[in-house]
């Protein structure tokens, strides 16, 4: 899986991952 695919999954799971209490390693 590429970073883009992982980001899409994150957005799918809980909207904007940039404002989540526990952001993933996408920064």
C-alpha atoms as a PDB file:
ATOM      1  CA  UNK A   1       0.000   0.000   0.000  1.00  0.00           C
ATOM      2  CA  UNK A   2       1.239   3.462  -0.846  1.00  0.00           C
ATOM      3  CA  UNK A   3       1.085   6.504   1.424  1.00  0.00           C
ATOM      4  CA  UNK A   4      -1.707   7.934  -0.722  1.00  0.00           C
ATOM      5  CA  UNK A   5      -3.806   4.802  -0.240  1.00  0.00           C
ATOM      6  CA  UNK A   6      -3.194   4.853   3.506  1.00  0.00           C
ATOM      7  CA  UNK A   7      -4.243   8.508   3.646  1.00  0.00           C
ATOM      8  CA  UNK A   8      -7.453   7.741   1.763  1.00  0.00           C
ATOM      9  CA  UNK A   9      -8.230   4.990   4.257  1.00  0.00           C
ATOM     10  CA  UNK A  10      -7.607   7.372   7.152  1.00  0.00           C
ATOM     11  CA  UNK A  11      -9.922  10.002   5.657  1.00  0.00           C
ATOM     12  CA  UNK A  12     -12.478   7.243   5.106  1.00  0.00           C
ATOM     13  CA  UNK A  13     -12.198   6.073   8.700  1.00  0.00           C
ATOM     14  CA  UNK A  14     -12.387   9.363  10.580  1.00  0.00           C
ATOM     15  CA  UNK A  15     -12.613  12.350   8.273  1.00  0.00           C
ATOM     16  CA  UNK A  16      -9.714  14.848   8.312  1.00  0.00           C
ATOM     17  CA  UNK A  17      -6.924  12.875   9.965  1.00  0.00           C
ATOM     18  CA  UNK A  18      -5.011  16.120  10.546  1.00  0.00           C
ATOM     19  CA  UNK A  19      -7.353  17.152  13.359  1.00  0.00           C
ATOM     20  CA  UNK A  20      -7.802  13.770  15.011  1.00  0.00           C
ATOM     21  CA  UNK A  21      -6.661  13.301  18.627  1.00  0.00           C
ATOM     22  CA  UNK A  22      -4.385  10.470  17.459  1.00  0.00           C
ATOM     23  CA  UNK A  23      -3.038  11.351  13.974  1.00  0.00           C
ATOM     24  CA  UNK A  24      -1.208   8.644  12.054  1.00  0.00           C
ATOM     25  CA  UNK A  25       2.362   8.785  10.734  1.00  0.00           C
ATOM     26  CA  UNK A  26       1.344  10.712   7.619  1.00  0.00           C
ATOM     27  CA  UNK A  27       2.759  14.085   8.641  1.00  0.00           C
END
